[in-house]
Structure formats: structure tokens, C-alpha cells
Amino acid sequence: MWIWAGFGDAVDLTGQAQNAVRASGLSAGLATVFISGSTAGITAIEYESGVIADL
């Protein structure tokens, strides 16, 4: 799964991760979300209105 975004974009991966887990057929375990790149990052935040502006 590839998601391209511009400089400094925040992308909600929740739906894609849920679909990948559902498609796997597994009912228990852990899912790992990985990104390769020296300037990329993944973080978990609780969404609330205005949160992106705060970043």
C-alpha cells in the first residue's frame, strides 16, 4: 500500500490499516505499520478538531 503526500502532510492511515488486517483473515495478534525513509515518520495521535494545526 502506497500513500504519497506532500511536505509536512498528515495522513490518516486508520482505514487502510483496518482493511489490511481484515483482509489478512487473522482474528488476533499485532499489526505493524512501517515506513522506510530517513525523513518520514509515523505517529499515533487522538484526533480532535484543530490537531493538525497544532502540529
N, C-alpha and C. Protein backbone atom coordinates (compact mmCIF):
# COMPACT_ATOMS: atom_id res chain seq x y z
N MET A 1 0.85 -1.16 0.00
CA MET A 1 0.00 0.00 0.00
C MET A 1 0.91 1.23 0.00
N TRP A 2 0.68 2.12 -0.94
CA TRP A 2 1.48 3.34 -1.05
C TRP A 2 0.60 4.56 -0.89
N ILE A 3 1.01 5.48 -0.06
CA ILE A 3 0.30 6.75 0.12
C ILE A 3 1.32 7.86 -0.05
N TRP A 4 1.12 8.68 -1.06
CA TRP A 4 2.03 9.79 -1.31
C TRP A 4 1.41 11.07 -0.80
N ALA A 5 2.16 11.82 -0.06
CA ALA A 5 1.70 13.10 0.46
C ALA A 5 2.82 14.11 0.31
N GLY A 6 2.50 15.36 0.37
CA GLY A 6 3.49 16.41 0.22
C GLY A 6 4.26 16.66 1.50
N PHE A 7 5.12 17.64 1.46
CA PHE A 7 5.96 18.00 2.60
C PHE A 7 5.12 18.38 3.80
N GLY A 8 5.33 17.72 4.89
CA GLY A 8 4.66 18.07 6.14
C GLY A 8 3.21 17.65 6.23
N ASP A 9 2.75 16.78 5.34
CA ASP A 9 1.36 16.35 5.39
C ASP A 9 1.13 15.31 6.48
N ALA A 10 -0.06 15.32 7.02
CA ALA A 10 -0.50 14.29 7.95
C ALA A 10 -1.56 13.46 7.24
N VAL A 11 -1.40 12.15 7.22
CA VAL A 11 -2.31 11.26 6.51
C VAL A 11 -2.87 10.26 7.51
N ASP A 12 -4.18 10.14 7.54
CA ASP A 12 -4.85 9.18 8.42
C ASP A 12 -4.80 7.81 7.77
N LEU A 13 -4.03 6.88 8.35
CA LEU A 13 -3.86 5.54 7.81
C LEU A 13 -4.80 4.52 8.46
N THR A 14 -5.69 4.97 9.32
CA THR A 14 -6.54 4.06 10.09
C THR A 14 -7.32 3.12 9.19
N GLY A 15 -8.01 3.65 8.20
CA GLY A 15 -8.83 2.83 7.32
C GLY A 15 -8.02 1.81 6.55
N GLN A 16 -6.86 2.23 6.03
CA GLN A 16 -6.01 1.32 5.27
C GLN A 16 -5.48 0.20 6.16
N ALA A 17 -5.10 0.54 7.39
CA ALA A 17 -4.59 -0.48 8.32
C ALA A 17 -5.71 -1.45 8.69
N GLN A 18 -6.89 -0.93 8.96
CA GLN A 18 -8.03 -1.80 9.29
C GLN A 18 -8.33 -2.75 8.14
N ASN A 19 -8.34 -2.24 6.91
CA ASN A 19 -8.63 -3.08 5.74
C ASN A 19 -7.57 -4.16 5.56
N ALA A 20 -6.31 -3.81 5.78
CA ALA A 20 -5.23 -4.79 5.62
C ALA A 20 -5.35 -5.90 6.66
N VAL A 21 -5.67 -5.54 7.90
CA VAL A 21 -5.84 -6.55 8.95
C VAL A 21 -7.05 -7.42 8.63
N ARG A 22 -8.15 -6.80 8.23
CA ARG A 22 -9.36 -7.55 7.89
C ARG A 22 -9.08 -8.52 6.74
N ALA A 23 -8.37 -8.07 5.72
CA ALA A 23 -8.06 -8.90 4.55
C ALA A 23 -7.12 -10.06 4.89
N SER A 24 -6.35 -9.92 5.97
CA SER A 24 -5.41 -10.96 6.34
C SER A 24 -6.12 -12.21 6.85
N GLY A 25 -7.33 -12.05 7.34
CA GLY A 25 -8.07 -13.18 7.87
C GLY A 25 -7.71 -13.53 9.30
N LEU A 26 -6.79 -12.81 9.90
CA LEU A 26 -6.39 -13.08 11.28
C LEU A 26 -7.41 -12.47 12.24
N SER A 27 -7.58 -13.10 13.39
CA SER A 27 -8.53 -12.58 14.37
C SER A 27 -7.85 -12.13 15.66
N ALA A 28 -6.55 -12.34 15.78
CA ALA A 28 -5.82 -11.92 16.98
C ALA A 28 -4.37 -11.65 16.59
N GLY A 29 -3.73 -10.78 17.35
CA GLY A 29 -2.32 -10.50 17.12
C GLY A 29 -2.05 -9.01 17.06
N LEU A 30 -0.89 -8.67 16.55
CA LEU A 30 -0.45 -7.28 16.42
C LEU A 30 -0.26 -6.94 14.96
N ALA A 31 -0.50 -5.69 14.63
CA ALA A 31 -0.23 -5.19 13.27
C ALA A 31 0.90 -4.17 13.37
N THR A 32 1.84 -4.27 12.46
CA THR A 32 2.95 -3.32 12.42
C THR A 32 2.81 -2.43 11.21
N VAL A 33 2.91 -1.13 11.43
CA VAL A 33 2.90 -0.16 10.34
C VAL A 33 4.32 0.36 10.22
N PHE A 34 4.91 0.23 9.04
CA PHE A 34 6.32 0.56 8.82
C PHE A 34 6.45 1.54 7.68
N ILE A 35 7.40 2.44 7.81
CA ILE A 35 7.71 3.37 6.73
C ILE A 35 9.22 3.42 6.58
N SER A 36 9.68 3.32 5.34
CA SER A 36 11.12 3.44 5.11
C SER A 36 11.40 4.84 4.58
N GLY A 37 12.41 5.43 5.07
CA GLY A 37 12.78 6.78 4.64
C GLY A 37 13.40 7.53 5.79
N SER A 38 14.46 8.24 5.50
CA SER A 38 15.20 8.91 6.57
C SER A 38 14.47 10.14 7.10
N THR A 39 13.51 10.68 6.35
CA THR A 39 12.82 11.89 6.80
C THR A 39 11.33 11.65 7.01
N ALA A 40 10.91 10.40 7.01
CA ALA A 40 9.50 10.07 7.19
C ALA A 40 9.26 9.58 8.61
N GLY A 41 8.04 9.67 9.05
CA GLY A 41 7.72 9.20 10.39
C GLY A 41 6.27 8.82 10.52
N ILE A 42 5.99 7.97 11.48
CA ILE A 42 4.63 7.56 11.81
C ILE A 42 4.41 7.86 13.28
N THR A 43 3.27 8.42 13.58
CA THR A 43 2.93 8.70 14.96
C THR A 43 1.48 8.35 15.21
N ALA A 44 1.13 8.14 16.43
CA ALA A 44 -0.27 7.87 16.80
C ALA A 44 -0.75 9.05 17.63
N ILE A 45 -1.88 9.61 17.20
CA ILE A 45 -2.48 10.72 17.95
C ILE A 45 -3.98 10.49 18.05
N GLU A 46 -4.57 11.04 19.07
CA GLU A 46 -6.02 11.01 19.19
C GLU A 46 -6.55 12.21 18.41
N TYR A 47 -7.38 11.93 17.41
CA TYR A 47 -7.85 13.01 16.55
C TYR A 47 -8.85 13.89 17.28
N GLU A 48 -8.67 15.18 17.12
CA GLU A 48 -9.63 16.17 17.58
C GLU A 48 -9.54 17.34 16.61
N SER A 49 -10.60 18.10 16.50
CA SER A 49 -10.57 19.21 15.55
C SER A 49 -9.44 20.18 15.93
N GLY A 50 -8.69 20.60 14.96
CA GLY A 50 -7.59 21.52 15.20
C GLY A 50 -6.26 20.86 15.48
N VAL A 51 -6.22 19.54 15.61
CA VAL A 51 -4.97 18.87 15.98
C VAL A 51 -3.90 19.05 14.89
N ILE A 52 -4.28 19.03 13.63
CA ILE A 52 -3.31 19.18 12.56
C ILE A 52 -2.68 20.56 12.61
N ALA A 53 -3.45 21.57 12.92
CA ALA A 53 -2.90 22.93 13.04
C ALA A 53 -1.89 23.02 14.18
N ASP A 54 -2.09 22.23 15.22
CA ASP A 54 -1.18 22.24 16.37
C ASP A 54 0.16 21.59 16.04
N LEU A 55 0.17 20.69 15.06
CA LEU A 55 1.41 20.02 14.71
C LEU A 55 2.32 20.98 14.02
